[in-house]
Amino acid sequence: MSAAASESLSQVVSALRTLSSADEITAQRSAWQKILELQKLAEADKVLADELLNELFRLGTPVRDLDGPTDGILVTTTTNVATDAAVKMLVNSWMPWQGKRFDAAGSTGNNRMTDSSAVVSKLIWPFYSMTESGQGKSAFDFKTYVEAGKDDPDREVLVIDYADVESNPALIIRSIRDELVEIVPGTYLGKILFRLPTGSYSKIGFFALRT
């Protein structure tokens, strides 16, 4: 990525944060629109989109005191051509994940899922049961804390940790580590990391949340 593109993105974020102090809603919507633009870019140029999303993530600040439900989107996956294409096809036709719910006081949370996701979940994890939240299903509880990122050790991030919750399925879920930063209040960008057998982490995608 060119220095000019990086500087331009930095200027955009700086302007949005200045705007947020006067008009938080407009700043939030504008930041969300920028993420949607990068999601669209990923369809045409995944390498550039990945670089820009990574730069945007690094411009974020650690999330503190995030509380209550959020709406979420999978921005893009960053695995390989075949897997990314398969995930995109699936998400375009059926997206079971709706966002996350945070409990700031307890440093915990869970994922907001559609009712239909429970059927598929039983096929993959037959001994795991989702819970009823009153607004769809809740699943895959997590703990939250702030520390240096695994993908960006020079940045502090909000860690969304599934590994230390014994009720989570060992298959896939407990190997996931999400890392979240705030772009502006109310709009957040996250990385999805997968823990490898070696103990290191591989980035497999980006997601975004908004309140």
C-alpha atoms as a PDB file:
ATOM      1  CA  MET A   1       0.000   0.000   0.000  1.00  0.00           C
ATOM      2  CA  SER A   2       1.302   3.446  -0.886  1.00  0.00           C
ATOM      3  CA  ALA A   3       2.196   6.022   1.739  1.00  0.00           C
ATOM      4  CA  ALA A   4      -0.391   8.339   0.171  1.00  0.00           C
ATOM      5  CA  ALA A   5      -3.197   5.797   0.643  1.00  0.00           C
ATOM      6  CA  SER A   6      -2.160   5.235   4.255  1.00  0.00           C
ATOM      7  CA  GLU A   7      -2.015   8.979   4.937  1.00  0.00           C
ATOM      8  CA  SER A   8      -5.413   9.486   3.291  1.00  0.00           C
ATOM      9  CA  LEU A   9      -7.012   6.837   5.508  1.00  0.00           C
ATOM     10  CA  SER A  10      -5.417   8.388   8.577  1.00  0.00           C
ATOM     11  CA  GLN A  11      -6.843  11.778   7.598  1.00  0.00           C
ATOM     12  CA  VAL A  12     -10.313  10.274   7.142  1.00  0.00           C
ATOM     13  CA  VAL A  13     -10.256   8.705  10.615  1.00  0.00           C
ATOM     14  CA  SER A  14      -8.941  11.901  12.178  1.00  0.00           C
ATOM     15  CA  ALA A  15     -11.710  13.930  10.521  1.00  0.00           C
ATOM     16  CA  LEU A  16     -14.373  11.444  11.661  1.00  0.00           C
ATOM     17  CA  ARG A  17     -13.184  11.630  15.259  1.00  0.00           C
ATOM     18  CA  THR A  18     -13.294  15.419  15.144  1.00  0.00           C
ATOM     19  CA  LEU A  19     -16.809  15.221  13.699  1.00  0.00           C
ATOM     20  CA  SER A  20     -17.846  12.720  16.377  1.00  0.00           C
ATOM     21  CA  SER A  21     -17.371  15.279  19.143  1.00  0.00           C
ATOM     22  CA  ALA A  22     -20.051  17.446  17.504  1.00  0.00           C
ATOM     23  CA  ASP A  23     -22.225  14.896  15.689  1.00  0.00           C
ATOM     24  CA  GLU A  24     -21.644  11.354  16.897  1.00  0.00           C
ATOM     25  CA  ILE A  25     -24.399   9.779  14.779  1.00  0.00           C
ATOM     26  CA  THR A  26     -23.104  11.200  11.480  1.00  0.00           C
ATOM     27  CA  ALA A  27     -19.541  10.206  12.354  1.00  0.00           C
ATOM     28  CA  GLN A  28     -20.695   6.688  13.192  1.00  0.00           C
ATOM     29  CA  ARG A  29     -22.590   6.343   9.914  1.00  0.00           C
ATOM     30  CA  SER A  30     -19.679   7.724   7.902  1.00  0.00           C
ATOM     31  CA  ALA A  31     -17.226   5.326   9.533  1.00  0.00           C
ATOM     32  CA  TRP A  32     -19.586   2.433   8.800  1.00  0.00           C
ATOM     33  CA  GLN A  33     -19.846   3.554   5.183  1.00  0.00           C
ATOM     34  CA  LYS A  34     -16.055   3.537   4.896  1.00  0.00           C
ATOM     35  CA  ILE A  35     -15.995  -0.073   6.117  1.00  0.00           C
ATOM     36  CA  LEU A  36     -18.692  -0.987   3.584  1.00  0.00           C
ATOM     37  CA  GLU A  37     -16.582   0.611   0.831  1.00  0.00           C
ATOM     38  CA  LEU A  38     -13.636  -1.572   1.823  1.00  0.00           C
ATOM     39  CA  GLN A  39     -15.925  -4.600   1.898  1.00  0.00           C
ATOM     40  CA  LYS A  40     -16.921  -3.807  -1.675  1.00  0.00           C
ATOM     41  CA  LEU A  41     -13.289  -3.256  -2.661  1.00  0.00           C
ATOM     42  CA  ALA A  42     -12.466  -6.752  -1.392  1.00  0.00           C
ATOM     43  CA  GLU A  43     -14.613  -8.180  -4.196  1.00  0.00           C
ATOM     44  CA  ALA A  44     -12.356  -6.554  -6.795  1.00  0.00           C
ATOM     45  CA  ASP A  45      -8.948  -6.418  -5.102  1.00  0.00           C
ATOM     46  CA  LYS A  46      -8.580  -8.536  -1.961  1.00  0.00           C
ATOM     47  CA  VAL A  47      -4.917  -7.673  -1.487  1.00  0.00           C
ATOM     48  CA  LEU A  48      -5.502  -3.917  -1.451  1.00  0.00           C
ATOM     49  CA  ALA A  49      -8.648  -4.272   0.664  1.00  0.00           C
ATOM     50  CA  ASP A  50      -6.747  -6.371   3.199  1.00  0.00           C
ATOM     51  CA  GLU A  51      -3.972  -3.768   3.390  1.00  0.00           C
ATOM     52  CA  LEU A  52      -6.445  -0.908   3.858  1.00  0.00           C
ATOM     53  CA  LEU A  53      -8.528  -2.794   6.421  1.00  0.00           C
ATOM     54  CA  ASN A  54      -5.374  -3.660   8.322  1.00  0.00           C
ATOM     55  CA  GLU A  55      -4.313  -0.011   8.268  1.00  0.00           C
ATOM     56  CA  LEU A  56      -7.775   1.094   9.418  1.00  0.00           C
ATOM     57  CA  PHE A  57      -7.614  -1.440  12.241  1.00  0.00           C
ATOM     58  CA  ARG A  58      -4.235  -0.088  13.344  1.00  0.00           C
ATOM     59  CA  LEU A  59      -5.699   3.421  13.440  1.00  0.00           C
ATOM     60  CA  GLY A  60      -8.331   2.202  15.917  1.00  0.00           C
ATOM     61  CA  THR A  61      -8.234   2.511  19.685  1.00  0.00           C
ATOM     62  CA  PRO A  62      -8.843  -0.236  22.261  1.00  0.00           C
ATOM     63  CA  VAL A  63     -12.535  -0.643  23.032  1.00  0.00           C
ATOM     64  CA  ARG A  64     -13.512   0.010  26.626  1.00  0.00           C
ATOM     65  CA  ASP A  65     -16.932  -0.143  28.298  1.00  0.00           C
ATOM     66  CA  LEU A  66     -18.770  -1.502  25.252  1.00  0.00           C
ATOM     67  CA  ASP A  67     -22.111  -2.672  26.656  1.00  0.00           C
ATOM     68  CA  GLY A  68     -25.268  -4.189  25.207  1.00  0.00           C
ATOM     69  CA  PRO A  69     -26.144  -5.553  21.766  1.00  0.00           C
ATOM     70  CA  THR A  70     -24.343  -4.662  18.553  1.00  0.00           C
ATOM     71  CA  ASP A  71     -25.146  -5.390  14.918  1.00  0.00           C
ATOM     72  CA  GLY A  72     -22.399  -7.081  12.962  1.00  0.00           C
ATOM     73  CA  ILE A  73     -21.210  -7.900   9.460  1.00  0.00           C
ATOM     74  CA  LEU A  74     -18.497 -10.146   8.114  1.00  0.00           C
ATOM     75  CA  VAL A  75     -16.422  -7.679   6.100  1.00  0.00           C
ATOM     76  CA  THR A  76     -14.219 -10.200   4.285  1.00  0.00           C
ATOM     77  CA  THR A  77     -12.286 -13.409   4.831  1.00  0.00           C
ATOM     78  CA  THR A  78      -8.534 -13.663   4.267  1.00  0.00           C
ATOM     79  CA  THR A  79      -7.812 -17.368   3.886  1.00  0.00           C
ATOM     80  CA  ASN A  80      -7.365 -18.545   0.293  1.00  0.00           C
ATOM     81  CA  VAL A  81      -9.146 -18.014  -3.020  1.00  0.00           C
ATOM     82  CA  ALA A  82     -11.292 -21.155  -2.854  1.00  0.00           C
ATOM     83  CA  THR A  83     -12.330 -20.815   0.805  1.00  0.00           C
ATOM     84  CA  ASP A  84     -12.979 -17.081   0.529  1.00  0.00           C
ATOM     85  CA  ALA A  85     -15.218 -17.654  -2.490  1.00  0.00           C
ATOM     86  CA  ALA A  86     -17.147 -20.422  -0.711  1.00  0.00           C
ATOM     87  CA  VAL A  87     -17.676 -18.269   2.385  1.00  0.00           C
ATOM     88  CA  LYS A  88     -18.852 -15.333   0.278  1.00  0.00           C
ATOM     89  CA  MET A  89     -21.359 -17.546  -1.543  1.00  0.00           C
ATOM     90  CA  LEU A  90     -22.679 -18.887   1.768  1.00  0.00           C
ATOM     91  CA  VAL A  91     -22.934 -15.475   3.418  1.00  0.00           C
ATOM     92  CA  ASN A  92     -24.748 -14.021   0.412  1.00  0.00           C
ATOM     93  CA  SER A  93     -27.433 -16.700   0.698  1.00  0.00           C
ATOM     94  CA  TRP A  94     -27.569 -17.259   4.478  1.00  0.00           C
ATOM     95  CA  MET A  95     -25.909 -15.386   7.306  1.00  0.00           C
ATOM     96  CA  PRO A  96     -26.598 -16.924  10.742  1.00  0.00           C
ATOM     97  CA  TRP A  97     -24.506 -14.406  12.705  1.00  0.00           C
ATOM     98  CA  GLN A  98     -26.141 -11.063  13.567  1.00  0.00           C
ATOM     99  CA  GLY A  99     -23.646  -9.423  15.895  1.00  0.00           C
ATOM    100  CA  LYS A 100     -22.421  -9.578  19.483  1.00  0.00           C
ATOM    101  CA  ARG A 101     -23.769  -8.712  22.886  1.00  0.00           C
ATOM    102  CA  PHE A 102     -21.418  -7.306  25.531  1.00  0.00           C
ATOM    103  CA  ASP A 103     -21.616  -7.138  29.321  1.00  0.00           C
ATOM    104  CA  ALA A 104     -19.104  -4.460  30.264  1.00  0.00           C
ATOM    105  CA  ALA A 105     -19.465  -4.999  34.020  1.00  0.00           C
ATOM    106  CA  GLY A 106     -18.793  -8.725  33.756  1.00  0.00           C
ATOM    107  CA  SER A 107     -16.221  -8.499  30.930  1.00  0.00           C
ATOM    108  CA  THR A 108     -18.225 -11.149  29.088  1.00  0.00           C
ATOM    109  CA  GLY A 109     -20.556 -11.470  26.119  1.00  0.00           C
ATOM    110  CA  ASN A 110     -21.996 -13.769  23.477  1.00  0.00           C
ATOM    111  CA  ASN A 111     -22.913 -13.894  19.814  1.00  0.00           C
ATOM    112  CA  ARG A 112     -26.335 -12.979  18.448  1.00  0.00           C
ATOM    113  CA  MET A 113     -27.554 -15.680  16.061  1.00  0.00           C
ATOM    114  CA  THR A 114     -30.632 -16.267  13.927  1.00  0.00           C
ATOM    115  CA  ASP A 115     -33.155 -18.917  14.996  1.00  0.00           C
ATOM    116  CA  SER A 116     -32.309 -21.007  11.927  1.00  0.00           C
ATOM    117  CA  SER A 117     -28.661 -21.246  12.987  1.00  0.00           C
ATOM    118  CA  ALA A 118     -29.571 -23.649  15.806  1.00  0.00           C
ATOM    119  CA  VAL A 119     -30.340 -26.437  13.324  1.00  0.00           C
ATOM    120  CA  VAL A 120     -26.963 -26.171  11.582  1.00  0.00           C
ATOM    121  CA  SER A 121     -25.205 -25.819  14.927  1.00  0.00           C
ATOM    122  CA  LYS A 122     -26.602 -29.161  16.053  1.00  0.00           C
ATOM    123  CA  LEU A 123     -25.186 -30.842  12.965  1.00  0.00           C
ATOM    124  CA  ILE A 124     -21.682 -29.479  13.587  1.00  0.00           C
ATOM    125  CA  TRP A 125     -21.716 -29.517  17.407  1.00  0.00           C
ATOM    126  CA  PRO A 126     -24.374 -32.083  18.443  1.00  0.00           C
ATOM    127  CA  PHE A 127     -23.692 -31.669  22.168  1.00  0.00           C
ATOM    128  CA  TYR A 128     -23.792 -27.878  22.172  1.00  0.00           C
ATOM    129  CA  SER A 129     -27.012 -25.951  22.744  1.00  0.00           C
ATOM    130  CA  MET A 130     -27.683 -22.322  21.970  1.00  0.00           C
ATOM    131  CA  THR A 131     -29.758 -20.285  24.407  1.00  0.00           C
ATOM    132  CA  GLU A 132     -32.876 -18.223  23.835  1.00  0.00           C
ATOM    133  CA  SER A 133     -32.284 -14.510  24.325  1.00  0.00           C
ATOM    134  CA  GLY A 134     -35.711 -13.089  23.511  1.00  0.00           C
ATOM    135  CA  GLN A 135     -34.219 -11.578  20.348  1.00  0.00           C
ATOM    136  CA  GLY A 136     -33.151 -14.743  18.572  1.00  0.00           C
ATOM    137  CA  LYS A 137     -30.508 -17.177  19.744  1.00  0.00           C
ATOM    138  CA  SER A 138     -27.359 -16.529  21.755  1.00  0.00           C
ATOM    139  CA  ALA A 139     -24.273 -18.681  21.391  1.00  0.00           C
ATOM    140  CA  PHE A 140     -20.534 -18.986  21.913  1.00  0.00           C
ATOM    141  CA  ASP A 141     -19.950 -17.025  25.102  1.00  0.00           C
ATOM    142  CA  PHE A 142     -16.718 -15.082  25.460  1.00  0.00           C
ATOM    143  CA  LYS A 143     -14.597 -13.173  27.921  1.00  0.00           C
ATOM    144  CA  THR A 144     -13.208  -9.723  27.154  1.00  0.00           C
ATOM    145  CA  TYR A 145     -10.046  -7.919  28.212  1.00  0.00           C
ATOM    146  CA  VAL A 146      -7.604  -5.400  26.767  1.00  0.00           C
ATOM    147  CA  GLU A 147      -4.065  -6.422  25.850  1.00  0.00           C
ATOM    148  CA  ALA A 148      -1.569  -6.237  22.988  1.00  0.00           C
ATOM    149  CA  GLY A 149      -2.851  -7.761  19.768  1.00  0.00           C
ATOM    150  CA  LYS A 150      -1.501 -11.047  18.457  1.00  0.00           C
ATOM    151  CA  ASP A 151      -1.501  -9.727  14.876  1.00  0.00           C
ATOM    152  CA  ASP A 152      -0.503  -6.209  15.963  1.00  0.00           C
ATOM    153  CA  PRO A 153       1.635  -6.545  19.112  1.00  0.00           C
ATOM    154  CA  ASP A 154       2.342  -2.809  19.079  1.00  0.00           C
ATOM    155  CA  ARG A 155      -1.384  -2.003  19.447  1.00  0.00           C
ATOM    156  CA  GLU A 156      -3.791  -2.551  22.329  1.00  0.00           C
ATOM    157  CA  VAL A 157      -7.048  -4.269  21.383  1.00  0.00           C
ATOM    158  CA  LEU A 158     -10.161  -5.610  23.050  1.00  0.00           C
ATOM    159  CA  VAL A 159      -9.711  -9.377  23.049  1.00  0.00           C
ATOM    160  CA  ILE A 160     -12.857 -11.460  22.565  1.00  0.00           C
ATOM    161  CA  ASP A 161     -11.709 -14.760  24.042  1.00  0.00           C
ATOM    162  CA  TYR A 162     -13.599 -18.016  23.428  1.00  0.00           C
ATOM    163  CA  ALA A 163     -10.870 -20.402  24.585  1.00  0.00           C
ATOM    164  CA  ASP A 164     -11.413 -19.919  28.317  1.00  0.00           C
ATOM    165  CA  VAL A 165     -15.160 -20.672  28.222  1.00  0.00           C
ATOM    166  CA  GLU A 166     -15.534 -24.401  28.818  1.00  0.00           C
ATOM    167  CA  SER A 167     -19.085 -24.570  27.417  1.00  0.00           C
ATOM    168  CA  ASN A 168     -17.851 -23.545  23.957  1.00  0.00           C
ATOM    169  CA  PRO A 169     -17.270 -26.336  21.427  1.00  0.00           C
ATOM    170  CA  ALA A 170     -13.635 -27.404  21.223  1.00  0.00           C
ATOM    171  CA  LEU A 171     -13.993 -27.803  17.472  1.00  0.00           C
ATOM    172  CA  ILE A 172     -13.201 -24.444  15.813  1.00  0.00           C
ATOM    173  CA  ILE A 173     -14.835 -22.095  18.344  1.00  0.00           C
ATOM    174  CA  ARG A 174     -12.278 -22.365  21.145  1.00  0.00           C
ATOM    175  CA  SER A 175      -9.504 -21.777  18.606  1.00  0.00           C
ATOM    176  CA  ILE A 176     -10.976 -18.400  17.611  1.00  0.00           C
ATOM    177  CA  ARG A 177      -9.674 -15.153  19.053  1.00  0.00           C
ATOM    178  CA  ASP A 178     -11.384 -11.943  17.944  1.00  0.00           C
ATOM    179  CA  GLU A 179      -9.646  -8.600  18.382  1.00  0.00           C
ATOM    180  CA  LEU A 180     -11.647  -5.365  18.289  1.00  0.00           C
ATOM    181  CA  VAL A 181     -10.833  -1.658  18.011  1.00  0.00           C
ATOM    182  CA  GLU A 182     -12.973   1.476  17.962  1.00  0.00           C
ATOM    183  CA  ILE A 183     -12.865   3.603  14.819  1.00  0.00           C
ATOM    184  CA  VAL A 184     -15.267   6.177  16.263  1.00  0.00           C
ATOM    185  CA  PRO A 185     -17.721   5.734  19.150  1.00  0.00           C
ATOM    186  CA  GLY A 186     -20.384   3.298  17.992  1.00  0.00           C
ATOM    187  CA  THR A 187     -18.407   1.824  15.061  1.00  0.00           C
ATOM    188  CA  TYR A 188     -15.861  -0.949  15.545  1.00  0.00           C
ATOM    189  CA  LEU A 189     -13.574  -3.034  13.355  1.00  0.00           C
ATOM    190  CA  GLY A 190     -12.412  -6.510  14.310  1.00  0.00           C
ATOM    191  CA  LYS A 191      -9.975  -9.178  13.216  1.00  0.00           C
ATOM    192  CA  ILE A 192     -10.769 -12.880  13.345  1.00  0.00           C
ATOM    193  CA  LEU A 193      -7.724 -14.908  14.339  1.00  0.00           C
ATOM    194  CA  PHE A 194      -7.397 -18.695  14.399  1.00  0.00           C
ATOM    195  CA  ARG A 195      -5.016 -20.418  16.790  1.00  0.00           C
ATOM    196  CA  LEU A 196      -2.799 -22.934  15.009  1.00  0.00           C
ATOM    197  CA  PRO A 197      -1.457 -26.166  16.572  1.00  0.00           C
ATOM    198  CA  THR A 198       1.879 -24.367  17.039  1.00  0.00           C
ATOM    199  CA  GLY A 199       0.181 -21.827  19.311  1.00  0.00           C
ATOM    200  CA  SER A 200       0.613 -18.965  16.842  1.00  0.00           C
ATOM    201  CA  TYR A 201      -2.339 -17.174  15.257  1.00  0.00           C
ATOM    202  CA  SER A 202      -3.405 -16.711  11.651  1.00  0.00           C
ATOM    203  CA  LYS A 203      -5.727 -13.903  10.559  1.00  0.00           C
ATOM    204  CA  ILE A 204      -8.715 -15.369   8.715  1.00  0.00           C
ATOM    205  CA  GLY A 205     -10.946 -12.338   8.283  1.00  0.00           C
ATOM    206  CA  PHE A 206     -12.334  -8.973   9.325  1.00  0.00           C
ATOM    207  CA  PHE A 207     -15.712  -8.168  10.888  1.00  0.00           C
ATOM    208  CA  ALA A 208     -17.379  -4.943  11.938  1.00  0.00           C
ATOM    209  CA  LEU A 209     -19.815  -4.016  14.712  1.00  0.00           C
ATOM    210  CA  ARG A 210     -21.998  -0.991  15.364  1.00  0.00           C
ATOM    211  CA  THR A 211     -24.272   0.004  18.210  1.00  0.00           C
END
